[in-house]
Amino acid sequence: LTWLQPVSRHQAHGAPEGVRLLGAIENGVP
């Protein structure tokens, strides 16, 4: 029950093989 959350699509697309990620949630600012 442990999941990995990337903060950008760029980060997610660069993940090494075998590193399983959730879909990226892009950061935001006020």
Full PDB file with SEQRES, HELIX, SHEET, SSBOND, CRYST1, ORIGX, SCALE, CONECT and MASTER records, all heavy atoms in Angstrom:
SEQRES   1 A   30  LEU THR TRP LEU GLN PRO VAL SER ARG HIS GLN ALA HIS          
SEQRES   2 A   30  GLY ALA PRO GLU GLY VAL ARG LEU LEU GLY ALA ILE GLU          
SEQRES   3 A   30  ASN GLY VAL PRO                                              
HELIX    1 AA1 ARG A    9  HIS A   13  1                                   5    
CRYST1    1.000    1.000    1.000  90.00  90.00  90.00 P 1           1          
ORIGX1      1.000000  0.000000  0.000000        0.00000                         
ORIGX2      0.000000  1.000000  0.000000        0.00000                         
ORIGX3      0.000000  0.000000  1.000000        0.00000                         
SCALE1      1.000000  0.000000  0.000000        0.00000                         
SCALE2      0.000000  1.000000  0.000000        0.00000                         
SCALE3      0.000000  0.000000  1.000000        0.00000                         
ATOM      1  N   LEU A   1       0.823  -1.212   0.000  1.00  0.00           N  
ATOM      2  CA  LEU A   1       0.000   0.000   0.000  1.00  0.00           C  
ATOM      3  C   LEU A   1       0.856   1.261   0.000  1.00  0.00           C  
ATOM      4  O   LEU A   1       0.607   2.211   0.745  1.00  0.00           O  
ATOM      5  CB  LEU A   1      -0.948   0.005   1.206  1.00  0.00           C  
ATOM      6  CG  LEU A   1      -1.959  -1.143   1.281  1.00  0.00           C  
ATOM      7  CD1 LEU A   1      -2.747  -1.076   2.570  1.00  0.00           C  
ATOM      8  CD2 LEU A   1      -2.899  -1.118   0.093  1.00  0.00           C  
ATOM      9  N   THR A   2       1.857   1.278  -0.856  1.00  0.00           N  
ATOM     10  CA  THR A   2       2.757   2.424  -0.959  1.00  0.00           C  
ATOM     11  C   THR A   2       2.853   2.832  -2.430  1.00  0.00           C  
ATOM     12  O   THR A   2       3.179   2.003  -3.279  1.00  0.00           O  
ATOM     13  CB  THR A   2       4.156   2.084  -0.420  1.00  0.00           C  
ATOM     14  OG1 THR A   2       4.030   1.602   0.922  1.00  0.00           O  
ATOM     15  CG2 THR A   2       5.066   3.298  -0.439  1.00  0.00           C  
ATOM     16  N   TRP A   3       2.560   4.104  -2.712  1.00  0.00           N  
ATOM     17  CA  TRP A   3       2.552   4.579  -4.086  1.00  0.00           C  
ATOM     18  C   TRP A   3       3.496   5.764  -4.246  1.00  0.00           C  
ATOM     19  O   TRP A   3       3.709   6.549  -3.310  1.00  0.00           O  
ATOM     20  CB  TRP A   3       1.139   4.982  -4.496  1.00  0.00           C  
ATOM     21  CG  TRP A   3       0.216   3.808  -4.614  1.00  0.00           C  
ATOM     22  CD1 TRP A   3       0.012   3.009  -5.702  1.00  0.00           C  
ATOM     23  CD2 TRP A   3      -0.644   3.286  -3.595  1.00  0.00           C  
ATOM     24  NE1 TRP A   3      -0.913   2.030  -5.427  1.00  0.00           N  
ATOM     25  CE2 TRP A   3      -1.330   2.173  -4.144  1.00  0.00           C  
ATOM     26  CE3 TRP A   3      -0.905   3.640  -2.262  1.00  0.00           C  
ATOM     27  CZ2 TRP A   3      -2.245   1.421  -3.417  1.00  0.00           C  
ATOM     28  CZ3 TRP A   3      -1.805   2.894  -1.528  1.00  0.00           C  
ATOM     29  CH2 TRP A   3      -2.469   1.799  -2.117  1.00  0.00           C  
ATOM     30  N   LEU A   4       4.037   5.919  -5.444  1.00  0.00           N  
ATOM     31  CA  LEU A   4       4.980   6.990  -5.766  1.00  0.00           C  
ATOM     32  C   LEU A   4       4.314   8.014  -6.666  1.00  0.00           C  
ATOM     33  O   LEU A   4       3.768   7.670  -7.720  1.00  0.00           O  
ATOM     34  CB  LEU A   4       6.222   6.416  -6.469  1.00  0.00           C  
ATOM     35  CG  LEU A   4       6.951   5.279  -5.752  1.00  0.00           C  
ATOM     36  CD1 LEU A   4       8.159   4.837  -6.567  1.00  0.00           C  
ATOM     37  CD2 LEU A   4       7.364   5.687  -4.348  1.00  0.00           C  
ATOM     38  N   GLN A   5       4.386   9.293  -6.254  1.00  0.00           N  
ATOM     39  CA  GLN A   5       3.685  10.358  -6.954  1.00  0.00           C  
ATOM     40  C   GLN A   5       4.665  11.343  -7.585  1.00  0.00           C  
ATOM     41  O   GLN A   5       5.321  12.126  -6.896  1.00  0.00           O  
ATOM     42  CB  GLN A   5       2.775  11.119  -5.979  1.00  0.00           C  
ATOM     43  CG  GLN A   5       1.999  12.269  -6.603  1.00  0.00           C  
ATOM     44  CD  GLN A   5       1.054  11.759  -7.666  1.00  0.00           C  
ATOM     45  OE1 GLN A   5       0.136  10.998  -7.373  1.00  0.00           O  
ATOM     46  NE2 GLN A   5       1.272  12.183  -8.911  1.00  0.00           N  
ATOM     47  N   PRO A   6       4.796  11.358  -8.917  1.00  0.00           N  
ATOM     48  CA  PRO A   6       5.639  12.364  -9.570  1.00  0.00           C  
ATOM     49  C   PRO A   6       4.932  13.713  -9.637  1.00  0.00           C  
ATOM     50  O   PRO A   6       3.710  13.796  -9.580  1.00  0.00           O  
ATOM     51  CB  PRO A   6       5.853  11.782 -10.963  1.00  0.00           C  
ATOM     52  CG  PRO A   6       4.631  10.950 -11.214  1.00  0.00           C  
ATOM     53  CD  PRO A   6       4.207  10.402  -9.877  1.00  0.00           C  
ATOM     54  N   VAL A   7       5.752  14.768  -9.790  1.00  0.00           N  
ATOM     55  CA  VAL A   7       5.198  16.122  -9.796  1.00  0.00           C  
ATOM     56  C   VAL A   7       5.191  16.755 -11.181  1.00  0.00           C  
ATOM     57  O   VAL A   7       4.797  17.915 -11.326  1.00  0.00           O  
ATOM     58  CB  VAL A   7       5.966  17.033  -8.813  1.00  0.00           C  
ATOM     59  CG1 VAL A   7       5.793  16.551  -7.384  1.00  0.00           C  
ATOM     60  CG2 VAL A   7       7.444  17.121  -9.184  1.00  0.00           C  
ATOM     61  N   SER A   8       5.614  15.997 -12.192  1.00  0.00           N  
ATOM     62  CA  SER A   8       5.549  16.512 -13.560  1.00  0.00           C  
ATOM     63  C   SER A   8       5.614  15.351 -14.538  1.00  0.00           C  
ATOM     64  O   SER A   8       6.148  14.275 -14.212  1.00  0.00           O  
ATOM     65  CB  SER A   8       6.683  17.502 -13.846  1.00  0.00           C  
ATOM     66  OG  SER A   8       7.934  16.835 -13.894  1.00  0.00           O  
ATOM     67  N   ARG A   9       5.082  15.570 -15.728  1.00  0.00           N  
ATOM     68  CA  ARG A   9       5.175  14.544 -16.761  1.00  0.00           C  
ATOM     69  C   ARG A   9       6.625  14.326 -17.176  1.00  0.00           C  
ATOM     70  O   ARG A   9       7.022  13.208 -17.499  1.00  0.00           O  
ATOM     71  CB  ARG A   9       4.307  14.943 -17.964  1.00  0.00           C  
ATOM     72  CG  ARG A   9       2.810  14.812 -17.691  1.00  0.00           C  
ATOM     73  CD  ARG A   9       1.995  15.137 -18.933  1.00  0.00           C  
ATOM     74  NE  ARG A   9       2.071  16.559 -19.258  1.00  0.00           N  
ATOM     75  CZ  ARG A   9       1.248  17.476 -18.746  1.00  0.00           C  
ATOM     76  NH1 ARG A   9       0.324  17.116 -17.876  1.00  0.00           N  
ATOM     77  NH2 ARG A   9       1.367  18.749 -19.093  1.00  0.00           N  
ATOM     78  N   HIS A  10       7.412  15.381 -17.160  1.00  0.00           N  
ATOM     79  CA  HIS A  10       8.830  15.246 -17.491  1.00  0.00           C  
ATOM     80  C   HIS A  10       9.507  14.276 -16.538  1.00  0.00           C  
ATOM     81  O   HIS A  10      10.276  13.396 -16.962  1.00  0.00           O  
ATOM     82  CB  HIS A  10       9.516  16.613 -17.422  1.00  0.00           C  
ATOM     83  CG  HIS A  10      10.981  16.576 -17.730  1.00  0.00           C  
ATOM     84  ND1 HIS A  10      11.926  16.259 -16.781  1.00  0.00           N  
ATOM     85  CD2 HIS A  10      11.662  16.792 -18.884  1.00  0.00           C  
ATOM     86  CE1 HIS A  10      13.126  16.288 -17.333  1.00  0.00           C  
ATOM     87  NE2 HIS A  10      12.996  16.614 -18.598  1.00  0.00           N  
ATOM     88  N   GLN A  11       9.245  14.421 -15.258  1.00  0.00           N  
ATOM     89  CA  GLN A  11       9.828  13.524 -14.268  1.00  0.00           C  
ATOM     90  C   GLN A  11       9.348  12.091 -14.481  1.00  0.00           C  
ATOM     91  O   GLN A  11      10.136  11.140 -14.433  1.00  0.00           O  
ATOM     92  CB  GLN A  11       9.449  13.998 -12.864  1.00  0.00           C  
ATOM     93  CG  GLN A  11      10.035  13.151 -11.728  1.00  0.00           C  
ATOM     94  CD  GLN A  11       9.433  13.525 -10.382  1.00  0.00           C  
ATOM     95  OE1 GLN A  11       8.249  13.854 -10.298  1.00  0.00           O  
ATOM     96  NE2 GLN A  11      10.245  13.475  -9.344  1.00  0.00           N  
ATOM     97  N   ALA A  12       8.061  11.924 -14.731  1.00  0.00           N  
ATOM     98  CA  ALA A  12       7.506  10.581 -14.898  1.00  0.00           C  
ATOM     99  C   ALA A  12       8.070   9.892 -16.132  1.00  0.00           C  
ATOM    100  O   ALA A  12       8.403   8.697 -16.096  1.00  0.00           O  
ATOM    101  CB  ALA A  12       5.980  10.661 -14.989  1.00  0.00           C  
ATOM    102  N   HIS A  13       8.203  10.625 -17.221  1.00  0.00           N  
ATOM    103  CA  HIS A  13       8.691  10.022 -18.461  1.00  0.00           C  
ATOM    104  C   HIS A  13      10.165   9.633 -18.368  1.00  0.00           C  
ATOM    105  O   HIS A  13      10.626   8.782 -19.129  1.00  0.00           O  
ATOM    106  CB  HIS A  13       8.478  10.983 -19.631  1.00  0.00           C  
ATOM    107  CG  HIS A  13       7.039  11.150 -19.993  1.00  0.00           C  
ATOM    108  ND1 HIS A  13       6.566  12.235 -20.696  1.00  0.00           N  
ATOM    109  CD2 HIS A  13       5.954  10.375 -19.738  1.00  0.00           C  
ATOM    110  CE1 HIS A  13       5.253  12.119 -20.859  1.00  0.00           C  
ATOM    111  NE2 HIS A  13       4.862  11.010 -20.288  1.00  0.00           N  
ATOM    112  N   GLY A  14      10.898  10.235 -17.441  1.00  0.00           N  
ATOM    113  CA  GLY A  14      12.306   9.902 -17.284  1.00  0.00           C  
ATOM    114  C   GLY A  14      12.576   8.826 -16.253  1.00  0.00           C  
ATOM    115  O   GLY A  14      13.740   8.560 -15.930  1.00  0.00           O  
ATOM    116  N   ALA A  15      11.538   8.187 -15.741  1.00  0.00           N  
ATOM    117  CA  ALA A  15      11.727   7.182 -14.699  1.00  0.00           C  
ATOM    118  C   ALA A  15      12.440   5.953 -15.248  1.00  0.00           C  
ATOM    119  O   ALA A  15      12.123   5.486 -16.348  1.00  0.00           O  
ATOM    120  CB  ALA A  15      10.380   6.786 -14.107  1.00  0.00           C  
ATOM    121  N   PRO A  16      13.407   5.408 -14.508  1.00  0.00           N  
ATOM    122  CA  PRO A  16      14.083   4.186 -14.946  1.00  0.00           C  
ATOM    123  C   PRO A  16      13.108   3.017 -15.027  1.00  0.00           C  
ATOM    124  O   PRO A  16      12.053   3.007 -14.376  1.00  0.00           O  
ATOM    125  CB  PRO A  16      15.131   3.950 -13.860  1.00  0.00           C  
ATOM    126  CG  PRO A  16      15.263   5.241 -13.134  1.00  0.00           C  
ATOM    127  CD  PRO A  16      13.930   5.909 -13.237  1.00  0.00           C  
ATOM    128  N   GLU A  17      13.462   2.032 -15.817  1.00  0.00           N  
ATOM    129  CA  GLU A  17      12.631   0.834 -15.929  1.00  0.00           C  
ATOM    130  C   GLU A  17      12.506   0.180 -14.559  1.00  0.00           C  
ATOM    131  O   GLU A  17      13.478   0.057 -13.814  1.00  0.00           O  
ATOM    132  CB  GLU A  17      13.266  -0.136 -16.918  1.00  0.00           C  
ATOM    133  CG  GLU A  17      12.412  -1.364 -17.195  1.00  0.00           C  
ATOM    134  CD  GLU A  17      13.032  -2.258 -18.253  1.00  0.00           C  
ATOM    135  OE1 GLU A  17      14.082  -1.865 -18.819  1.00  0.00           O  
ATOM    136  OE2 GLU A  17      12.472  -3.340 -18.496  1.00  0.00           O  
ATOM    137  N   GLY A  18      11.303  -0.219 -14.224  1.00  0.00           N  
ATOM    138  CA  GLY A  18      11.052  -0.868 -12.948  1.00  0.00           C  
ATOM    139  C   GLY A  18      10.566   0.056 -11.856  1.00  0.00           C  
ATOM    140  O   GLY A  18      10.091  -0.409 -10.817  1.00  0.00           O  
ATOM    141  N   VAL A  19      10.667   1.381 -12.060  1.00  0.00           N  
ATOM    142  CA  VAL A  19      10.130   2.346 -11.099  1.00  0.00           C  
ATOM    143  C   VAL A  19       8.695   2.657 -11.513  1.00  0.00           C  
ATOM    144  O   VAL A  19       8.457   3.234 -12.572  1.00  0.00           O  
ATOM    145  CB  VAL A  19      10.977   3.632 -11.055  1.00  0.00           C  
ATOM    146  CG1 VAL A  19      10.331   4.662 -10.137  1.00  0.00           C  
ATOM    147  CG2 VAL A  19      12.389   3.316 -10.586  1.00  0.00           C  
ATOM    148  N   ARG A  20       7.758   2.261 -10.696  1.00  0.00           N  
ATOM    149  CA  ARG A  20       6.330   2.348 -11.052  1.00  0.00           C  
ATOM    150  C   ARG A  20       5.702   3.561 -10.373  1.00  0.00           C  
ATOM    151  O   ARG A  20       5.726   3.675  -9.149  1.00  0.00           O  
ATOM    152  CB  ARG A  20       5.624   1.055 -10.656  1.00  0.00           C  
ATOM    153  CG  ARG A  20       6.155  -0.163 -11.432  1.00  0.00           C  
ATOM    154  CD  ARG A  20       5.551  -1.458 -10.932  1.00  0.00           C  
ATOM    155  NE  ARG A  20       6.031  -1.783  -9.589  1.00  0.00           N  
ATOM    156  CZ  ARG A  20       5.623  -2.849  -8.906  1.00  0.00           C  
ATOM    157  NH1 ARG A  20       4.719  -3.661  -9.420  1.00  0.00           N  
ATOM    158  NH2 ARG A  20       6.105  -3.080  -7.700  1.00  0.00           N  
ATOM    159  N   LEU A  21       5.134   4.423 -11.185  1.00  0.00           N  
ATOM    160  CA  LEU A  21       4.623   5.705 -10.713  1.00  0.00           C  
ATOM    161  C   LEU A  21       3.137   5.846 -10.979  1.00  0.00           C  
ATOM    162  O   LEU A  21       2.609   5.277 -11.935  1.00  0.00           O  
ATOM    163  CB  LEU A  21       5.350   6.860 -11.418  1.00  0.00           C  
ATOM    164  CG  LEU A  21       6.876   6.863 -11.373  1.00  0.00           C  
ATOM    165  CD1 LEU A  21       7.414   8.003 -12.231  1.00  0.00           C  
ATOM    166  CD2 LEU A  21       7.372   6.986  -9.945  1.00  0.00           C  
ATOM    167  N   LEU A  22       2.483   6.646 -10.143  1.00  0.00           N  
ATOM    168  CA  LEU A  22       1.134   7.101 -10.453  1.00  0.00           C  
ATOM    169  C   LEU A  22       1.213   8.173 -11.536  1.00  0.00           C  
ATOM    170  O   LEU A  22       2.291   8.655 -11.890  1.00  0.00           O  
ATOM    171  CB  LEU A  22       0.471   7.677  -9.203  1.00  0.00           C  
ATOM    172  CG  LEU A  22       0.302   6.744  -8.002  1.00  0.00           C  
ATOM    173  CD1 LEU A  22      -0.431   7.467  -6.883  1.00  0.00           C  
ATOM    174  CD2 LEU A  22      -0.437   5.476  -8.378  1.00  0.00           C  
ATOM    175  N   GLY A  23       0.064   8.546 -12.064  1.00  0.00           N  
ATOM    176  CA  GLY A  23       0.043   9.627 -13.037  1.00  0.00           C  
ATOM    177  C   GLY A  23       0.487  10.929 -12.400  1.00  0.00           C  
ATOM    178  O   GLY A  23       0.174  11.219 -11.239  1.00  0.00           O  
ATOM    179  N   ALA A  24       1.234  11.729 -13.138  1.00  0.00           N  
ATOM    180  CA  ALA A  24       1.799  12.965 -12.600  1.00  0.00           C  
ATOM    181  C   ALA A  24       0.706  13.948 -12.184  1.00  0.00           C  
ATOM    182  O   ALA A  24      -0.318  14.076 -12.850  1.00  0.00           O  
ATOM    183  CB  ALA A  24       2.712  13.616 -13.632  1.00  0.00           C  
ATOM    184  N   ILE A  25       0.924  14.611 -11.073  1.00  0.00           N  
ATOM    185  CA  ILE A  25       0.127  15.764 -10.664  1.00  0.00           C  
ATOM    186  C   ILE A  25       1.047  16.971 -10.715  1.00  0.00           C  
ATOM    187  O   ILE A  25       1.985  17.087  -9.931  1.00  0.00           O  
ATOM    188  CB  ILE A  25      -0.454  15.587  -9.240  1.00  0.00           C  
ATOM    189  CG1 ILE A  25      -1.435  14.409  -9.200  1.00  0.00           C  
ATOM    190  CG2 ILE A  25      -1.150  16.873  -8.793  1.00  0.00           C  
ATOM    191  CD1 ILE A  25      -2.023  14.130  -7.831  1.00  0.00           C  
ATOM    192  N   GLU A  26       0.799  17.845 -11.688  1.00  0.00           N  
ATOM    193  CA  GLU A  26       1.666  19.005 -11.876  1.00  0.00           C  
ATOM    194  C   GLU A  26       1.500  19.981 -10.712  1.00  0.00           C  
ATOM    195  O   GLU A  26       0.398  20.203 -10.215  1.00  0.00           O  
ATOM    196  CB  GLU A  26       1.311  19.705 -13.190  1.00  0.00           C  
ATOM    197  CG  GLU A  26       1.392  18.828 -14.428  1.00  0.00           C  
ATOM    198  CD  GLU A  26       2.827  18.670 -14.940  1.00  0.00           C  
ATOM    199  OE1 GLU A  26       3.709  19.450 -14.507  1.00  0.00           O  
ATOM    200  OE2 GLU A  26       3.038  17.776 -15.788  1.00  0.00           O  
ATOM    201  N   ASN A  27       2.613  20.573 -10.297  1.00  0.00           N  
ATOM    202  CA  ASN A  27       2.569  21.581  -9.245  1.00  0.00           C  
ATOM    203  C   ASN A  27       1.793  22.808  -9.703  1.00  0.00           C  
ATOM    204  O   ASN A  27       1.643  23.064 -10.900  1.00  0.00           O  
ATOM    205  CB  ASN A  27       3.985  21.992  -8.840  1.00  0.00           C  
ATOM    206  CG  ASN A  27       4.680  20.926  -8.001  1.00  0.00           C  
ATOM    207  OD1 ASN A  27       4.020  20.111  -7.363  1.00  0.00           O  
ATOM    208  ND2 ASN A  27       6.001  20.936  -8.002  1.00  0.00           N  
ATOM    209  N   GLY A  28       1.334  23.570  -8.730  1.00  0.00           N  
ATOM    210  CA  GLY A  28       0.615  24.798  -9.027  1.00  0.00           C  
ATOM    211  C   GLY A  28       0.954  25.876  -8.022  1.00  0.00           C  
ATOM    212  O   GLY A  28       1.478  25.602  -6.935  1.00  0.00           O  
ATOM    213  N   VAL A  29       0.652  27.117  -8.372  1.00  0.00           N  
ATOM    214  CA  VAL A  29       0.961  28.258  -7.506  1.00  0.00           C  
ATOM    215  C   VAL A  29      -0.249  29.188  -7.446  1.00  0.00           C  
ATOM    216  O   VAL A  29      -1.069  29.215  -8.361  1.00  0.00           O  
ATOM    217  CB  VAL A  29       2.194  29.037  -8.021  1.00  0.00           C  
ATOM    218  CG1 VAL A  29       3.449  28.178  -7.928  1.00  0.00           C  
ATOM    219  CG2 VAL A  29       1.993  29.532  -9.442  1.00  0.00           C  
ATOM    220  N   PRO A  30      -0.358  29.973  -6.374  1.00  0.00           N  
ATOM    221  CA  PRO A  30      -1.478  30.918  -6.278  1.00  0.00           C  
ATOM    222  C   PRO A  30      -1.278  32.116  -7.200  1.00  0.00           C  
ATOM    223  O   PRO A  30      -0.166  32.387  -7.672  1.00  0.00           O  
ATOM    224  CB  PRO A  30      -1.445  31.346  -4.806  1.00  0.00           C  
ATOM    225  CG  PRO A  30      -0.019  31.176  -4.401  1.00  0.00           C  
ATOM    226  CD  PRO A  30       0.491  29.983  -5.171  1.00  0.00           C  
TER     227      PRO A  30                                                      
MASTER        0    0    0    1    0    0    0    6  226    1    0    3          
END                                                                             
